[in-house]
């Protein structure tokens, strides 16, 4: 990261353009305290199941990516699969 960059994690609730909650990380990503900070934020959130409409919207967006981007790599770990895309511009 450049000296003038930071990491921001934002909780959003469309269509509201304003973030519900944000976390700004201003230190380097190799700071050993960061996993504890992330865990603290997650521990203090109350989660409710995603609606079927939300899940369908996410799937539609992924299908659009599949049709407009190039798959560069796929990584599997237990029950999680990561797919890396590259724009075909």
PDB file of N, CA and C in Angstrom:
ATOM      1  N   UNK A   1       0.840  -1.181   0.000  1.00  0.00           N
ATOM      2  CA  UNK A   1       0.000   0.000   0.000  1.00  0.00           C
ATOM      3  C   UNK A   1       0.882   1.240   0.000  1.00  0.00           C
ATOM      4  N   UNK A   2       0.405   2.264  -0.670  1.00  0.00           N
ATOM      5  CA  UNK A   2       1.127   3.529  -0.661  1.00  0.00           C
ATOM      6  C   UNK A   2       0.952   4.227   0.681  1.00  0.00           C
ATOM      7  N   UNK A   3       1.808   5.177   0.959  1.00  0.00           N
ATOM      8  CA  UNK A   3       1.773   5.867   2.258  1.00  0.00           C
ATOM      9  C   UNK A   3       0.494   6.671   2.468  1.00  0.00           C
ATOM     10  N   UNK A   4      -0.225   6.995   1.404  1.00  0.00           N
ATOM     11  CA  UNK A   4      -1.460   7.780   1.536  1.00  0.00           C
ATOM     12  C   UNK A   4      -2.714   6.931   1.331  1.00  0.00           C
ATOM     13  N   UNK A   5      -2.603   5.594   1.477  1.00  0.00           N
ATOM     14  CA  UNK A   5      -3.741   4.709   1.286  1.00  0.00           C
ATOM     15  C   UNK A   5      -4.166   4.072   2.604  1.00  0.00           C
ATOM     16  N   UNK A   6      -5.437   3.719   2.680  1.00  0.00           N
ATOM     17  CA  UNK A   6      -5.967   3.034   3.855  1.00  0.00           C
ATOM     18  C   UNK A   6      -7.003   2.017   3.401  1.00  0.00           C
ATOM     19  N   UNK A   7      -7.355   1.107   4.289  1.00  0.00           N
ATOM     20  CA  UNK A   7      -8.352   0.071   4.010  1.00  0.00           C
ATOM     21  C   UNK A   7      -9.655   0.469   4.700  1.00  0.00           C
ATOM     22  N   UNK A   8     -10.769   0.347   3.994  1.00  0.00           N
ATOM     23  CA  UNK A   8     -12.067   0.675   4.573  1.00  0.00           C
ATOM     24  C   UNK A   8     -13.039  -0.468   4.320  1.00  0.00           C
ATOM     25  N   UNK A   9     -13.705  -0.881   5.375  1.00  0.00           N
ATOM     26  CA  UNK A   9     -14.745  -1.896   5.287  1.00  0.00           C
ATOM     27  C   UNK A   9     -16.056  -1.196   5.628  1.00  0.00           C
ATOM     28  N   UNK A  10     -17.033  -1.346   4.769  1.00  0.00           N
ATOM     29  CA  UNK A  10     -18.283  -0.611   4.910  1.00  0.00           C
ATOM     30  C   UNK A  10     -19.465  -1.571   4.904  1.00  0.00           C
ATOM     31  N   UNK A  11     -20.390  -1.350   5.814  1.00  0.00           N
ATOM     32  CA  UNK A  11     -21.657  -2.081   5.814  1.00  0.00           C
ATOM     33  C   UNK A  11     -22.680  -1.160   5.170  1.00  0.00           C
ATOM     34  N   UNK A  12     -23.303  -1.648   4.098  1.00  0.00           N
ATOM     35  CA  UNK A  12     -24.274  -0.850   3.357  1.00  0.00           C
ATOM     36  C   UNK A  12     -25.621  -1.555   3.350  1.00  0.00           C
ATOM     37  N   UNK A  13     -26.641  -0.775   3.113  1.00  0.00           N
ATOM     38  CA  UNK A  13     -27.993  -1.320   3.023  1.00  0.00           C
ATOM     39  C   UNK A  13     -28.706  -0.637   1.853  1.00  0.00           C
ATOM     40  N   UNK A  14     -28.494  -1.165   0.623  1.00  0.00           N
ATOM     41  CA  UNK A  14     -29.134  -0.544  -0.533  1.00  0.00           C
ATOM     42  C   UNK A  14     -30.643  -0.511  -0.359  1.00  0.00           C
ATOM     43  N   UNK A  15     -31.290   0.478  -0.884  1.00  0.00           N
ATOM     44  CA  UNK A  15     -30.811   1.528  -1.770  1.00  0.00           C
ATOM     45  C   UNK A  15     -30.232   2.739  -1.038  1.00  0.00           C
ATOM     46  N   UNK A  16     -30.141   2.710   0.272  1.00  0.00           N
ATOM     47  CA  UNK A  16     -29.577   3.825   1.033  1.00  0.00           C
ATOM     48  C   UNK A  16     -28.103   3.993   0.667  1.00  0.00           C
ATOM     49  N   UNK A  17     -27.700   5.142   0.106  1.00  0.00           N
ATOM     50  CA  UNK A  17     -26.299   5.326  -0.292  1.00  0.00           C
ATOM     51  C   UNK A  17     -25.359   5.576   0.895  1.00  0.00           C
ATOM     52  N   UNK A  18     -25.924   5.907   2.048  1.00  0.00           N
ATOM     53  CA  UNK A  18     -25.091   6.182   3.224  1.00  0.00           C
ATOM     54  C   UNK A  18     -24.711   4.880   3.924  1.00  0.00           C
ATOM     55  N   UNK A  19     -23.437   4.733   4.294  1.00  0.00           N
ATOM     56  CA  UNK A  19     -23.027   3.523   5.016  1.00  0.00           C
ATOM     57  C   UNK A  19     -23.731   3.412   6.366  1.00  0.00           C
ATOM     58  N   UNK A  20     -24.026   2.182   6.761  1.00  0.00           N
ATOM     59  CA  UNK A  20     -24.612   1.918   8.067  1.00  0.00           C
ATOM     60  C   UNK A  20     -23.503   1.937   9.123  1.00  0.00           C
ATOM     61  N   UNK A  21     -22.344   1.386   8.737  1.00  0.00           N
ATOM     62  CA  UNK A  21     -21.207   1.311   9.649  1.00  0.00           C
ATOM     63  C   UNK A  21     -19.933   1.198   8.814  1.00  0.00           C
ATOM     64  N   UNK A  22     -18.853   1.818   9.250  1.00  0.00           N
ATOM     65  CA  UNK A  22     -17.593   1.715   8.527  1.00  0.00           C
ATOM     66  C   UNK A  22     -16.450   1.454   9.498  1.00  0.00           C
ATOM     67  N   UNK A  23     -15.396   0.862   8.967  1.00  0.00           N
ATOM     68  CA  UNK A  23     -14.162   0.642   9.715  1.00  0.00           C
ATOM     69  C   UNK A  23     -13.023   1.095   8.818  1.00  0.00           C
ATOM     70  N   UNK A  24     -12.212   2.009   9.284  1.00  0.00           N
ATOM     71  CA  UNK A  24     -11.041   2.465   8.539  1.00  0.00           C
ATOM     72  C   UNK A  24      -9.784   1.928   9.197  1.00  0.00           C
ATOM     73  N   UNK A  25      -8.922   1.294   8.409  1.00  0.00           N
ATOM     74  CA  UNK A  25      -7.635   0.791   8.897  1.00  0.00           C
ATOM     75  C   UNK A  25      -6.562   1.715   8.329  1.00  0.00           C
ATOM     76  N   UNK A  26      -5.836   2.376   9.196  1.00  0.00           N
ATOM     77  CA  UNK A  26      -4.870   3.378   8.755  1.00  0.00           C
ATOM     78  C   UNK A  26      -3.429   2.911   8.913  1.00  0.00           C
ATOM     79  N   UNK A  27      -3.230   1.728   9.484  1.00  0.00           N
ATOM     80  CA  UNK A  27      -1.890   1.171   9.614  1.00  0.00           C
ATOM     81  C   UNK A  27      -1.657   0.188   8.476  1.00  0.00           C
ATOM     82  N   UNK A  28      -0.460  -0.342   8.387  1.00  0.00           N
ATOM     83  CA  UNK A  28      -0.141  -1.307   7.343  1.00  0.00           C
ATOM     84  C   UNK A  28      -0.848  -2.632   7.602  1.00  0.00           C
ATOM     85  N   UNK A  29      -1.193  -3.365   6.533  1.00  0.00           N
ATOM     86  CA  UNK A  29      -1.916  -4.631   6.694  1.00  0.00           C
ATOM     87  C   UNK A  29      -1.154  -5.701   7.460  1.00  0.00           C
ATOM     88  N   UNK A  30       0.151  -5.542   7.640  1.00  0.00           N
ATOM     89  CA  UNK A  30       0.902  -6.559   8.370  1.00  0.00           C
ATOM     90  C   UNK A  30       0.895  -6.336   9.882  1.00  0.00           C
ATOM     91  N   UNK A  31       0.153  -5.340  10.359  1.00  0.00           N
ATOM     92  CA  UNK A  31       0.046  -5.098  11.795  1.00  0.00           C
ATOM     93  C   UNK A  31      -0.655  -6.294  12.442  1.00  0.00           C
ATOM     94  N   UNK A  32      -0.018  -6.956  13.416  1.00  0.00           N
ATOM     95  CA  UNK A  32      -0.610  -8.154  14.015  1.00  0.00           C
ATOM     96  C   UNK A  32      -1.903  -7.895  14.793  1.00  0.00           C
ATOM     97  N   UNK A  33      -2.213  -6.655  15.094  1.00  0.00           N
ATOM     98  CA  UNK A  33      -3.448  -6.346  15.820  1.00  0.00           C
ATOM     99  C   UNK A  33      -4.680  -6.361  14.914  1.00  0.00           C
ATOM    100  N   UNK A  34      -4.488  -6.298  13.597  1.00  0.00           N
ATOM    101  CA  UNK A  34      -5.637  -6.197  12.695  1.00  0.00           C
ATOM    102  C   UNK A  34      -6.613  -7.371  12.786  1.00  0.00           C
ATOM    103  N   UNK A  35      -6.159  -8.628  12.843  1.00  0.00           N
ATOM    104  CA  UNK A  35      -7.144  -9.705  12.993  1.00  0.00           C
ATOM    105  C   UNK A  35      -8.012  -9.556  14.247  1.00  0.00           C
ATOM    106  N   UNK A  36      -7.433  -9.070  15.334  1.00  0.00           N
ATOM    107  CA  UNK A  36      -8.221  -8.864  16.557  1.00  0.00           C
ATOM    108  C   UNK A  36      -9.247  -7.750  16.356  1.00  0.00           C
ATOM    109  N   UNK A  37      -8.860  -6.714  15.612  1.00  0.00           N
ATOM    110  CA  UNK A  37      -9.783  -5.612  15.346  1.00  0.00           C
ATOM    111  C   UNK A  37     -10.947  -6.108  14.496  1.00  0.00           C
ATOM    112  N   UNK A  38     -10.643  -6.868  13.431  1.00  0.00           N
ATOM    113  CA  UNK A  38     -11.707  -7.418  12.588  1.00  0.00           C
ATOM    114  C   UNK A  38     -12.634  -8.308  13.406  1.00  0.00           C
ATOM    115  N   UNK A  39     -12.068  -9.155  14.232  1.00  0.00           N
ATOM    116  CA  UNK A  39     -12.881 -10.056  15.047  1.00  0.00           C
ATOM    117  C   UNK A  39     -13.761  -9.265  16.013  1.00  0.00           C
ATOM    118  N   UNK A  40     -13.225  -8.200  16.599  1.00  0.00           N
ATOM    119  CA  UNK A  40     -14.004  -7.362  17.517  1.00  0.00           C
ATOM    120  C   UNK A  40     -15.209  -6.757  16.809  1.00  0.00           C
ATOM    121  N   UNK A  41     -14.992  -6.266  15.603  1.00  0.00           N
ATOM    122  CA  UNK A  41     -16.096  -5.685  14.832  1.00  0.00           C
ATOM    123  C   UNK A  41     -17.149  -6.751  14.530  1.00  0.00           C
ATOM    124  N   UNK A  42     -16.706  -7.936  14.101  1.00  0.00           N
ATOM    125  CA  UNK A  42     -17.650  -9.007  13.779  1.00  0.00           C
ATOM    126  C   UNK A  42     -18.391  -9.509  15.005  1.00  0.00           C
ATOM    127  N   UNK A  43     -17.705  -9.576  16.140  1.00  0.00           N
ATOM    128  CA  UNK A  43     -18.340 -10.054  17.367  1.00  0.00           C
ATOM    129  C   UNK A  43     -19.462  -9.137  17.827  1.00  0.00           C
ATOM    130  N   UNK A  44     -19.385  -7.862  17.459  1.00  0.00           N
ATOM    131  CA  UNK A  44     -20.383  -6.896  17.918  1.00  0.00           C
ATOM    132  C   UNK A  44     -21.477  -6.620  16.893  1.00  0.00           C
ATOM    133  N   UNK A  45     -21.529  -7.423  15.844  1.00  0.00           N
ATOM    134  CA  UNK A  45     -22.600  -7.296  14.855  1.00  0.00           C
ATOM    135  C   UNK A  45     -23.657  -8.365  15.098  1.00  0.00           C
ATOM    136  N   UNK A  46     -24.885  -7.996  14.888  1.00  0.00           N
ATOM    137  CA  UNK A  46     -25.958  -8.979  14.952  1.00  0.00           C
ATOM    138  C   UNK A  46     -26.333  -9.336  13.521  1.00  0.00           C
ATOM    139  N   UNK A  47     -26.250 -10.608  13.204  1.00  0.00           N
ATOM    140  CA  UNK A  47     -26.533 -11.066  11.856  1.00  0.00           C
ATOM    141  C   UNK A  47     -27.925 -11.673  11.787  1.00  0.00           C
ATOM    142  N   UNK A  48     -28.598 -11.407  10.699  1.00  0.00           N
ATOM    143  CA  UNK A  48     -29.867 -12.084  10.425  1.00  0.00           C
ATOM    144  C   UNK A  48     -29.729 -12.743   9.058  1.00  0.00           C
ATOM    145  N   UNK A  49     -30.460 -13.802   8.823  1.00  0.00           N
ATOM    146  CA  UNK A  49     -30.332 -14.507   7.544  1.00  0.00           C
ATOM    147  C   UNK A  49     -30.632 -13.580   6.361  1.00  0.00           C
ATOM    148  N   UNK A  50     -29.902 -13.792   5.267  1.00  0.00           N
ATOM    149  CA  UNK A  50     -30.131 -13.003   4.056  1.00  0.00           C
ATOM    150  C   UNK A  50     -31.439 -13.439   3.418  1.00  0.00           C
ATOM    151  N   UNK A  51     -32.128 -12.488   2.813  1.00  0.00           N
ATOM    152  CA  UNK A  51     -33.388 -12.801   2.140  1.00  0.00           C
ATOM    153  C   UNK A  51     -33.095 -13.528   0.824  1.00  0.00           C
ATOM    154  N   UNK A  52     -34.081 -14.214   0.338  1.00  0.00           N
ATOM    155  CA  UNK A  52     -33.948 -14.921  -0.939  1.00  0.00           C
ATOM    156  C   UNK A  52     -33.675 -13.916  -2.060  1.00  0.00           C
ATOM    157  N   UNK A  53     -34.321 -12.757  -1.988  1.00  0.00           N
ATOM    158  CA  UNK A  53     -34.113 -11.709  -2.995  1.00  0.00           C
ATOM    159  C   UNK A  53     -32.653 -11.240  -3.001  1.00  0.00           C
ATOM    160  N   UNK A  54     -32.075 -11.054  -1.828  1.00  0.00           N
ATOM    161  CA  UNK A  54     -30.676 -10.640  -1.720  1.00  0.00           C
ATOM    162  C   UNK A  54     -29.770 -11.700  -2.351  1.00  0.00           C
ATOM    163  N   UNK A  55     -29.980 -12.966  -1.997  1.00  0.00           N
ATOM    164  CA  UNK A  55     -29.152 -14.045  -2.539  1.00  0.00           C
ATOM    165  C   UNK A  55     -29.285 -14.141  -4.058  1.00  0.00           C
ATOM    166  N   UNK A  56     -30.499 -13.973  -4.562  1.00  0.00           N
ATOM    167  CA  UNK A  56     -30.707 -14.019  -6.013  1.00  0.00           C
ATOM    168  C   UNK A  56     -30.001 -12.858  -6.714  1.00  0.00           C
ATOM    169  N   UNK A  57     -30.029 -11.677  -6.109  1.00  0.00           N
ATOM    170  CA  UNK A  57     -29.339 -10.521  -6.689  1.00  0.00           C
ATOM    171  C   UNK A  57     -27.836 -10.746  -6.748  1.00  0.00           C
ATOM    172  N   UNK A  58     -27.273 -11.338  -5.688  1.00  0.00           N
ATOM    173  CA  UNK A  58     -25.840 -11.632  -5.669  1.00  0.00           C
ATOM    174  C   UNK A  58     -25.505 -12.644  -6.763  1.00  0.00           C
ATOM    175  N   UNK A  59     -26.313 -13.679  -6.893  1.00  0.00           N
ATOM    176  CA  UNK A  59     -26.077 -14.694  -7.928  1.00  0.00           C
ATOM    177  C   UNK A  59     -26.153 -14.080  -9.326  1.00  0.00           C
ATOM    178  N   UNK A  60     -27.104 -13.171  -9.542  1.00  0.00           N
ATOM    179  CA  UNK A  60     -27.211 -12.498 -10.835  1.00  0.00           C
ATOM    180  C   UNK A  60     -25.947 -11.703 -11.152  1.00  0.00           C
ATOM    181  N   UNK A  61     -25.421 -11.017 -10.145  1.00  0.00           N
ATOM    182  CA  UNK A  61     -24.193 -10.237 -10.352  1.00  0.00           C
ATOM    183  C   UNK A  61     -23.013 -11.144 -10.684  1.00  0.00           C
ATOM    184  N   UNK A  62     -22.925 -12.293 -10.042  1.00  0.00           N
ATOM    185  CA  UNK A  62     -21.845 -13.241 -10.318  1.00  0.00           C
ATOM    186  C   UNK A  62     -21.995 -13.815 -11.723  1.00  0.00           C
ATOM    187  N   UNK A  63     -23.205 -14.118 -12.126  1.00  0.00           N
ATOM    188  CA  UNK A  63     -23.429 -14.619 -13.477  1.00  0.00           C
ATOM    189  C   UNK A  63     -23.029 -13.583 -14.523  1.00  0.00           C
ATOM    190  N   UNK A  64     -23.285 -12.306 -14.239  1.00  0.00           N
ATOM    191  CA  UNK A  64     -22.842 -11.239 -15.147  1.00  0.00           C
ATOM    192  C   UNK A  64     -21.316 -11.229 -15.237  1.00  0.00           C
ATOM    193  N   UNK A  65     -20.640 -11.400 -14.102  1.00  0.00           N
ATOM    194  CA  UNK A  65     -19.178 -11.458 -14.115  1.00  0.00           C
ATOM    195  C   UNK A  65     -18.685 -12.618 -14.973  1.00  0.00           C
ATOM    196  N   UNK A  66     -19.318 -13.777 -14.821  1.00  0.00           N
ATOM    197  CA  UNK A  66     -18.916 -14.950 -15.605  1.00  0.00           C
ATOM    198  C   UNK A  66     -19.025 -14.690 -17.103  1.00  0.00           C
ATOM    199  N   UNK A  67     -20.005 -13.901 -17.505  1.00  0.00           N
ATOM    200  CA  UNK A  67     -20.215 -13.671 -18.932  1.00  0.00           C
ATOM    201  C   UNK A  67     -19.370 -12.520 -19.478  1.00  0.00           C
ATOM    202  N   UNK A  68     -18.794 -11.698 -18.622  1.00  0.00           N
ATOM    203  CA  UNK A  68     -18.069 -10.514 -19.110  1.00  0.00           C
ATOM    204  C   UNK A  68     -16.600 -10.480 -18.711  1.00  0.00           C
ATOM    205  N   UNK A  69     -16.126 -11.453 -17.951  1.00  0.00           N
ATOM    206  CA  UNK A  69     -14.744 -11.444 -17.499  1.00  0.00           C
ATOM    207  C   UNK A  69     -14.071 -12.779 -17.797  1.00  0.00           C
ATOM    208  N   UNK A  70     -12.763 -12.779 -17.663  1.00  0.00           N
ATOM    209  CA  UNK A  70     -11.974 -13.990 -17.867  1.00  0.00           C
ATOM    210  C   UNK A  70     -11.650 -14.591 -16.502  1.00  0.00           C
ATOM    211  N   UNK A  71     -11.831 -15.903 -16.357  1.00  0.00           N
ATOM    212  CA  UNK A  71     -11.448 -16.574 -15.111  1.00  0.00           C
ATOM    213  C   UNK A  71      -9.948 -16.816 -15.164  1.00  0.00           C
ATOM    214  N   UNK A  72      -9.233 -16.303 -14.170  1.00  0.00           N
ATOM    215  CA  UNK A  72      -7.781 -16.401 -14.123  1.00  0.00           C
ATOM    216  C   UNK A  72      -7.340 -17.571 -13.248  1.00  0.00           C
ATOM    217  N   UNK A  73      -8.034 -17.768 -12.138  1.00  0.00           N
ATOM    218  CA  UNK A  73      -7.645 -18.837 -11.212  1.00  0.00           C
ATOM    219  C   UNK A  73      -8.833 -19.219 -10.340  1.00  0.00           C
ATOM    220  N   UNK A  74      -8.771 -20.454  -9.843  1.00  0.00           N
ATOM    221  CA  UNK A  74      -9.770 -20.957  -8.908  1.00  0.00           C
ATOM    222  C   UNK A  74      -9.027 -21.621  -7.767  1.00  0.00           C
ATOM    223  N   UNK A  75      -9.411 -21.294  -6.537  1.00  0.00           N
ATOM    224  CA  UNK A  75      -8.785 -21.891  -5.355  1.00  0.00           C
ATOM    225  C   UNK A  75      -9.870 -22.497  -4.490  1.00  0.00           C
ATOM    226  N   UNK A  76      -9.617 -23.717  -4.042  1.00  0.00           N
ATOM    227  CA  UNK A  76     -10.579 -24.388  -3.161  1.00  0.00           C
ATOM    228  C   UNK A  76      -9.922 -24.698  -1.835  1.00  0.00           C
ATOM    229  N   UNK A  77     -10.697 -24.493  -0.775  1.00  0.00           N
ATOM    230  CA  UNK A  77     -10.244 -24.798   0.572  1.00  0.00           C
ATOM    231  C   UNK A  77     -11.458 -25.298   1.339  1.00  0.00           C
ATOM    232  N   UNK A  78     -11.492 -26.595   1.601  1.00  0.00           N
ATOM    233  CA  UNK A  78     -12.626 -27.213   2.288  1.00  0.00           C
ATOM    234  C   UNK A  78     -13.904 -26.928   1.500  1.00  0.00           C
ATOM    235  N   UNK A  79     -14.840 -26.178   2.059  1.00  0.00           N
ATOM    236  CA  UNK A  79     -16.111 -25.917   1.384  1.00  0.00           C
ATOM    237  C   UNK A  79     -16.168 -24.526   0.740  1.00  0.00           C
ATOM    238  N   UNK A  80     -15.029 -23.841   0.681  1.00  0.00           N
ATOM    239  CA  UNK A  80     -14.983 -22.504   0.107  1.00  0.00           C
ATOM    240  C   UNK A  80     -14.215 -22.530  -1.209  1.00  0.00           C
ATOM    241  N   UNK A  81     -14.778 -21.889  -2.219  1.00  0.00           N
ATOM    242  CA  UNK A  81     -14.119 -21.771  -3.517  1.00  0.00           C
ATOM    243  C   UNK A  81     -13.961 -20.293  -3.847  1.00  0.00           C
ATOM    244  N   UNK A  82     -12.750 -19.901  -4.196  1.00  0.00           N
ATOM    245  CA  UNK A  82     -12.470 -18.538  -4.627  1.00  0.00           C
ATOM    246  C   UNK A  82     -12.235 -18.543  -6.128  1.00  0.00           C
ATOM    247  N   UNK A  83     -12.866 -17.615  -6.833  1.00  0.00           N
ATOM    248  CA  UNK A  83     -12.664 -17.488  -8.268  1.00  0.00           C
ATOM    249  C   UNK A  83     -12.111 -16.089  -8.521  1.00  0.00           C
ATOM    250  N   UNK A  84     -10.981 -16.035  -9.223  1.00  0.00           N
ATOM    251  CA  UNK A  84     -10.347 -14.759  -9.552  1.00  0.00           C
ATOM    252  C   UNK A  84     -10.678 -14.419 -10.999  1.00  0.00           C
ATOM    253  N   UNK A  85     -11.255 -13.239 -11.206  1.00  0.00           N
ATOM    254  CA  UNK A  85     -11.666 -12.777 -12.521  1.00  0.00           C
ATOM    255  C   UNK A  85     -10.744 -11.663 -12.988  1.00  0.00           C
ATOM    256  N   UNK A  86     -10.649 -11.497 -14.313  1.00  0.00           N
ATOM    257  CA  UNK A  86      -9.922 -10.378 -14.892  1.00  0.00           C
ATOM    258  C   UNK A  86     -10.816  -9.768 -15.974  1.00  0.00           C
ATOM    259  N   UNK A  87     -10.998  -8.446 -15.919  1.00  0.00           N
ATOM    260  CA  UNK A  87     -11.798  -7.781 -16.939  1.00  0.00           C
ATOM    261  C   UNK A  87     -11.191  -8.035 -18.311  1.00  0.00           C
ATOM    262  N   UNK A  88     -12.047  -8.187 -19.301  1.00  0.00           N
ATOM    263  CA  UNK A  88     -11.581  -8.417 -20.665  1.00  0.00           C
ATOM    264  C   UNK A  88     -11.599  -7.121 -21.467  1.00  0.00           C
ATOM    265  N   UNK A  89     -11.081  -6.079 -20.890  1.00  0.00           N
ATOM    266  CA  UNK A  89     -11.060  -4.772 -21.587  1.00  0.00           C
ATOM    267  C   UNK A  89      -9.808  -4.639 -22.395  1.00  0.00           C
TER     268      UNK A  89
END
